[in-house]
Every structure is written in structure tokens, then in C-alpha cells.
Amino acid sequence: MTDAPFLEVRDLQHWFGGLHVIGGVGFSCRQGIIKAIIGPNGAGKTTLFNLISGAIPPASGSISFLGEEIAGSPAHRIAWKGISRTFQASRLFPGMTVLENVMTGRHTASRSGFLSCMFARPRALREEREIRDAAMDILSRLGIAELAGKDGHSLPFGRQRIVEIARALAARPRLLLLDEPACGLTMRETEEMGERITGIRDAGTTILIVEHDMSLVMGISDEVVVLSYGRKIAEGAPREIQSNPEVVEIYLGSETGNA
């Protein structure tokens, strides 16, 4: 882990029509940590993720990743540079097994093209085996290898969440964006999700997480950014955030004692 930020966001601005949803947000993220972005509904958290991942371009501002400006770059280029993400709603491909869903995450970075696969060229076949093996390894590390042959859409919601994280990891990201991974999970599933997320960080992937579950956020995060109405109102270690009067008033309120 180094002190130099490998992700740096400066004065990010975005509008939807006349609504200023992101207003001058800036923060940095060091390598090897879990950094949470929290705030009430409508604070701009998911929009911020969409800007970083290239789903939408910012109106202005800077996003630097590994020292390179990526603001406004298309999503596939940002993914190639090493940023992968999950979404709030399930996006598993229907009619595909868990293993096949995870393999699609790695295919975005594969070297063999469509024609090579169609005509079963040796390099393409070898790469396909490597992708399958890598996908199985990820499923094993996340503790769901036994689900490899199951239809992804037949799984309980909590398991689908894990498969989506596995698919994002298959792209071998250096930075993983997790958009509300505990949404809809039971308390036990949330605890297990926290263990998996810290395991991913400990294995070398930096994590930026948007999450409403304060127990999870405060339990696994190294640093926290708080947004309110599209603006950053606080940033710091979980303990600092929990004791920040403005955060308590605007967001945490009476939940602080339970976080």
C-alpha cells in the first residue's frame, strides 16, 4: 500500500436537466483500501459511480486513475484500464450458468476475436480453457464453486449478488466499484458479504463501495466519504465520520449509536 492516490476525483460536476446532482465533488483513494461513499437517497452516490466508470460523462472536473485522466472516456476503455463495477439491480445473463456468467467478465479482456473462436483456433481454445479455470478459481475464492453449473437466475438473490461480484473480478480489476452489494440481503448474508469484501481487498483489489447499511460500512471501511445533495460534506476514518456533527444531523442521526 502506498500513500499516493491511484484514484483522484477533482471538482466533479454533473447535471440532469436543470438539477445539479454532483456539485464540485473531490476525493482521493489510496491503493489497497476499502473506501465507502455514503449519504441519503438522492445524494448522488450512484451518479458518482456512473461518472467514474464511464457510464456517463461529467459536465466538468477531473478523474485520474493511475495518473491518467479518464473523465469522459467510454466505459469499455475505463474497464480495460482496470476499473470494474457491479450494479444495484441484478444483471446476470439469463439462460447462462453461474460459471458462464463469470466467464463473460473475463472475455472483455481476452485476446482472441470472434472468428478465432468460431473456427476453434488453438490459441482461442487455449484461452477459453484459461478463462474457465480463472472463473472457477474466483468462484472458489468466494466460496460458491458448487454453484458453477447452476442457472444464475435460479439462485436466491444473495447468491446472485456474489456471482455479480465474481463476474466483475473476472476482469481482473485494480479498482472494484460495488454499488450497494448488501441491498436486499439478510443480516447473516450481509455479514458474509462483509467478509468476502474484506477478503477481496486483502487479496490486492482496491474497493470503492456505495452502501446504505451503516453497520457494514463502519465495520469494513478504511475511509468514508459522505455526500449530501451532490456535495461532499465529510471525509475521513469511520470513527471520525460517526462523530462528525454535520454527518449526524444530515445523514446518520439516531442510527449513529448502532453503526
Protein backbone atom coordinates (compact mmCIF):
# COMPACT_ATOMS: atom_id res chain seq x y z
CA MET A 1 0.00 0.00 0.00
CA THR A 2 1.27 3.48 -0.88
CA ASP A 3 0.23 6.95 0.30
CA ALA A 4 -0.14 8.31 -3.24
CA PRO A 5 -3.73 8.18 -4.51
CA PHE A 6 -4.23 5.96 -7.50
CA LEU A 7 -7.76 7.32 -7.96
CA GLU A 8 -8.27 11.06 -7.66
CA VAL A 9 -11.52 12.93 -8.29
CA ARG A 10 -11.37 16.74 -8.53
CA ASP A 11 -14.24 19.25 -8.68
CA LEU A 12 -16.61 16.85 -10.43
CA GLN A 13 -19.82 18.42 -11.73
CA HIS A 14 -22.89 16.88 -13.33
CA TRP A 15 -26.42 17.98 -14.14
CA PHE A 16 -29.57 16.11 -15.12
CA GLY A 17 -31.54 18.77 -16.94
CA GLY A 18 -31.53 21.70 -14.55
CA LEU A 19 -30.81 19.56 -11.48
CA HIS A 20 -27.27 19.84 -10.14
CA VAL A 21 -26.77 16.23 -8.94
CA ILE A 22 -22.98 16.36 -8.44
CA GLY A 23 -21.60 19.70 -7.34
CA GLY A 24 -17.84 20.03 -7.06
CA VAL A 25 -17.13 16.62 -5.50
CA GLY A 26 -13.49 15.76 -4.90
CA PHE A 27 -11.72 12.96 -3.05
CA SER A 28 -8.83 10.55 -3.46
CA CYS A 29 -8.49 6.82 -2.87
CA ARG A 30 -5.26 5.11 -1.92
CA GLN A 31 -4.37 1.69 -3.25
CA GLY A 32 -5.24 -1.31 -1.11
CA ILE A 33 -8.13 0.10 0.91
CA ILE A 34 -11.92 -0.07 1.12
CA LYS A 35 -13.39 3.40 0.72
CA ALA A 36 -17.13 3.88 1.25
CA ILE A 37 -19.37 6.55 -0.24
CA ILE A 38 -22.47 7.10 1.86
CA GLY A 39 -25.34 9.55 2.00
CA PRO A 40 -29.13 9.73 1.99
CA ASN A 41 -31.22 8.81 -1.04
CA GLY A 42 -30.66 11.32 -3.82
CA ALA A 43 -27.20 12.30 -2.56
CA GLY A 44 -25.60 11.43 -5.91
CA LYS A 45 -23.77 8.25 -4.95
CA THR A 46 -24.72 6.08 -7.92
CA THR A 47 -24.30 9.04 -10.29
CA LEU A 48 -20.76 9.41 -8.96
CA PHE A 49 -20.13 5.72 -9.73
CA ASN A 50 -21.54 6.21 -13.23
CA LEU A 51 -19.14 9.10 -13.81
CA ILE A 52 -16.09 7.18 -12.59
CA SER A 53 -16.96 4.03 -14.58
CA GLY A 54 -17.69 5.94 -17.80
CA ALA A 55 -21.41 5.19 -17.97
CA ILE A 56 -21.99 8.95 -18.29
CA PRO A 57 -19.55 11.82 -18.91
CA PRO A 58 -19.14 14.61 -16.34
CA ALA A 59 -20.09 18.17 -17.19
CA SER A 60 -16.70 19.23 -15.84
CA GLY A 61 -13.99 18.16 -13.45
CA SER A 62 -11.22 15.57 -13.41
CA ILE A 63 -10.98 11.84 -12.68
CA SER A 64 -7.43 10.50 -12.59
CA PHE A 65 -6.71 6.76 -12.37
CA LEU A 66 -3.12 5.51 -12.13
CA GLY A 67 -2.01 9.02 -13.08
CA GLU A 68 -4.08 9.10 -16.28
CA GLU A 69 -7.13 11.28 -16.94
CA ILE A 70 -10.21 9.13 -17.60
CA ALA A 71 -13.08 11.62 -17.21
CA GLY A 72 -15.34 11.31 -20.24
CA SER A 73 -13.67 8.13 -21.53
CA PRO A 74 -16.08 5.39 -22.71
CA ALA A 75 -16.89 2.64 -20.24
CA HIS A 76 -15.08 -0.12 -22.15
CA ARG A 77 -11.81 1.87 -22.16
CA ILE A 78 -12.08 2.53 -18.45
CA ALA A 79 -12.71 -1.19 -17.89
CA TRP A 80 -9.58 -2.04 -19.89
CA LYS A 81 -7.58 0.30 -17.66
CA GLY A 82 -8.58 -1.73 -14.61
CA ILE A 83 -11.88 -0.45 -13.19
CA SER A 84 -14.78 -2.86 -12.87
CA ARG A 85 -18.17 -2.44 -11.22
CA THR A 86 -21.38 -4.06 -10.05
CA PHE A 87 -24.88 -2.57 -10.11
CA GLN A 88 -27.76 -2.22 -7.65
CA ALA A 89 -30.08 -4.45 -9.70
CA SER A 90 -29.15 -7.95 -10.83
CA ARG A 91 -27.67 -8.05 -14.34
CA LEU A 92 -26.88 -11.74 -14.71
CA PHE A 93 -27.38 -13.06 -18.21
CA PRO A 94 -30.49 -15.28 -18.50
CA GLY A 95 -30.06 -18.83 -19.73
CA MET A 96 -26.41 -18.98 -18.65
CA THR A 97 -24.82 -20.91 -15.82
CA VAL A 98 -23.03 -19.20 -12.97
CA LEU A 99 -19.68 -20.21 -14.48
CA GLU A 100 -20.63 -18.84 -17.90
CA ASN A 101 -21.78 -15.57 -16.38
CA VAL A 102 -18.45 -15.16 -14.61
CA MET A 103 -16.52 -16.08 -17.76
CA THR A 104 -18.17 -13.20 -19.63
CA GLY A 105 -16.38 -10.82 -17.28
CA ARG A 106 -13.01 -12.09 -18.46
CA HIS A 107 -13.94 -12.24 -22.16
CA THR A 108 -13.99 -8.43 -22.28
CA ALA A 109 -10.22 -8.51 -21.87
CA SER A 110 -9.44 -11.61 -23.92
CA ARG A 111 -7.10 -11.53 -26.90
CA SER A 112 -8.85 -13.91 -29.30
CA GLY A 113 -11.52 -12.48 -31.54
CA PHE A 114 -14.86 -13.83 -32.69
CA LEU A 115 -13.51 -15.54 -35.82
CA SER A 116 -10.80 -17.32 -33.86
CA CYS A 117 -13.44 -18.74 -31.51
CA MET A 118 -15.78 -19.68 -34.39
CA PHE A 119 -13.11 -21.67 -36.18
CA ALA A 120 -11.72 -23.07 -32.90
CA ARG A 121 -8.17 -21.93 -33.47
CA PRO A 122 -5.71 -23.41 -30.96
CA ARG A 123 -4.93 -20.09 -29.31
CA ALA A 124 -8.64 -19.36 -28.84
CA LEU A 125 -9.29 -22.80 -27.37
CA ARG A 126 -6.34 -22.46 -25.00
CA GLU A 127 -7.51 -19.03 -23.89
CA GLU A 128 -11.05 -20.32 -23.36
CA ARG A 129 -9.68 -23.00 -21.02
CA GLU A 130 -7.66 -20.37 -19.16
CA ILE A 131 -10.74 -18.17 -18.76
CA ARG A 132 -12.79 -21.10 -17.48
CA ASP A 133 -10.08 -22.05 -14.98
CA ALA A 134 -9.76 -18.43 -13.80
CA ALA A 135 -13.54 -18.14 -13.37
CA MET A 136 -13.63 -21.35 -11.33
CA ASP A 137 -10.80 -20.04 -9.16
CA ILE A 138 -12.76 -16.85 -8.42
CA LEU A 139 -15.89 -18.86 -7.54
CA SER A 140 -13.79 -21.00 -5.21
CA ARG A 141 -12.27 -17.96 -3.50
CA LEU A 142 -15.73 -16.51 -2.95
CA GLY A 143 -16.99 -19.82 -1.57
CA ILE A 144 -19.58 -20.63 -4.25
CA ALA A 145 -17.75 -23.10 -6.52
CA GLU A 146 -20.55 -25.62 -6.02
CA LEU A 147 -22.91 -23.26 -7.88
CA ALA A 148 -20.84 -23.20 -11.10
CA GLY A 149 -23.30 -25.31 -13.10
CA LYS A 150 -26.47 -23.69 -11.77
CA ASP A 151 -28.61 -21.27 -13.76
CA GLY A 152 -27.70 -17.82 -12.42
CA HIS A 153 -31.29 -16.59 -12.43
CA SER A 154 -32.46 -19.58 -10.39
CA LEU A 155 -30.29 -18.60 -7.43
CA PRO A 156 -31.51 -16.75 -4.32
CA PHE A 157 -30.92 -13.01 -4.52
CA GLY A 158 -28.00 -13.06 -2.10
CA ARG A 159 -26.15 -15.64 -4.18
CA GLN A 160 -26.80 -13.65 -7.35
CA ARG A 161 -25.06 -10.70 -5.68
CA ILE A 162 -21.96 -12.81 -5.12
CA VAL A 163 -21.99 -14.07 -8.72
CA GLU A 164 -22.09 -10.47 -9.96
CA ILE A 165 -19.06 -9.63 -7.84
CA ALA A 166 -17.30 -12.72 -9.21
CA ARG A 167 -18.04 -11.57 -12.77
CA ALA A 168 -16.62 -8.12 -12.01
CA LEU A 169 -13.50 -9.72 -10.52
CA ALA A 170 -13.05 -11.87 -13.62
CA ALA A 171 -11.99 -8.72 -15.49
CA ARG A 172 -9.01 -8.57 -13.09
CA PRO A 173 -9.66 -5.00 -11.91
CA ARG A 174 -7.29 -2.96 -9.83
CA LEU A 175 -10.27 -0.92 -8.61
CA LEU A 176 -13.65 -2.55 -7.93
CA LEU A 177 -16.77 -0.40 -7.61
CA LEU A 178 -19.51 -2.08 -5.57
CA ASP A 179 -22.95 -0.43 -5.79
CA GLU A 180 -24.99 -1.44 -2.72
CA PRO A 181 -23.81 -5.06 -2.53
CA ALA A 182 -25.81 -5.68 0.67
CA CYS A 183 -29.11 -4.35 -0.68
CA GLY A 184 -31.86 -6.88 -0.02
CA LEU A 185 -29.66 -9.24 1.99
CA THR A 186 -30.45 -10.74 5.37
CA MET A 187 -28.33 -9.84 8.38
CA ARG A 188 -26.36 -13.09 8.08
CA GLU A 189 -25.88 -12.62 4.33
CA THR A 190 -24.67 -9.06 4.98
CA GLU A 191 -22.09 -10.33 7.47
CA GLU A 192 -20.88 -12.88 4.93
CA MET A 193 -20.77 -10.20 2.25
CA GLY A 194 -18.57 -8.07 4.51
CA GLU A 195 -16.16 -10.98 4.95
CA ARG A 196 -15.98 -11.51 1.21
CA ILE A 197 -15.37 -7.82 0.51
CA THR A 198 -12.53 -7.58 3.03
CA GLY A 199 -11.09 -10.77 1.55
CA ILE A 200 -11.09 -9.18 -1.90
CA ARG A 201 -9.27 -6.15 -0.52
CA ASP A 202 -6.76 -8.33 1.33
CA ALA A 203 -6.06 -10.18 -1.94
CA GLY A 204 -4.96 -6.88 -3.53
CA THR A 205 -8.01 -5.23 -5.10
CA THR A 206 -8.90 -1.70 -4.01
CA ILE A 207 -12.61 -1.22 -3.38
CA LEU A 208 -14.92 1.78 -3.66
CA ILE A 209 -18.31 0.91 -2.19
CA VAL A 210 -21.69 2.65 -2.12
CA GLU A 211 -23.80 1.20 0.66
CA HIS A 212 -26.73 2.12 2.95
CA ASP A 213 -26.05 -0.48 5.64
CA MET A 214 -24.08 1.54 8.20
CA SER A 215 -23.05 -1.47 10.26
CA LEU A 216 -21.40 -2.96 7.18
CA VAL A 217 -19.82 0.35 6.11
CA MET A 218 -18.35 1.16 9.51
CA GLY A 219 -17.20 -2.42 10.02
CA ILE A 220 -15.20 -2.90 6.82
CA SER A 221 -14.23 0.55 5.52
CA ASP A 222 -10.82 2.16 5.92
CA GLU A 223 -12.15 5.56 4.83
CA VAL A 224 -15.59 7.08 4.25
CA VAL A 225 -16.86 9.93 2.05
CA VAL A 226 -20.25 11.44 2.90
CA LEU A 227 -22.41 13.10 0.22
CA SER A 228 -25.49 15.23 0.67
CA TYR A 229 -27.40 16.76 -2.24
CA GLY A 230 -24.48 16.08 -4.57
CA ARG A 231 -21.83 17.70 -2.40
CA LYS A 232 -19.18 16.22 -0.14
CA ILE A 233 -19.80 17.17 3.47
CA ALA A 234 -17.23 14.94 5.19
CA GLU A 235 -14.36 12.53 4.57
CA GLY A 236 -12.28 10.52 6.98
CA ALA A 237 -11.92 7.33 9.01
CA PRO A 238 -15.16 5.65 10.14
CA ARG A 239 -14.70 6.88 13.72
CA GLU A 240 -14.33 10.46 12.55
CA ILE A 241 -17.44 10.20 10.39
CA GLN A 242 -19.53 8.76 13.21
CA SER A 243 -18.62 11.69 15.47
CA ASN A 244 -18.97 14.44 12.83
CA PRO A 245 -21.90 16.68 13.94
CA GLU A 246 -22.91 17.59 10.39
CA VAL A 247 -22.99 13.95 9.35
CA VAL A 248 -25.01 13.03 12.41
CA GLU A 249 -27.53 15.78 11.68
CA ILE A 250 -27.80 15.27 7.90
CA TYR A 251 -27.46 11.52 7.49
CA LEU A 252 -26.72 9.20 10.39
CA GLY A 253 -28.99 10.71 13.03
CA SER A 254 -30.12 8.26 15.67
CA GLU A 255 -28.50 5.33 13.78
CA THR A 256 -25.03 6.51 14.82
CA GLY A 257 -25.08 4.63 18.07
CA ASN A 258 -25.84 1.39 16.24
CA ALA A 259 -23.38 1.84 13.38
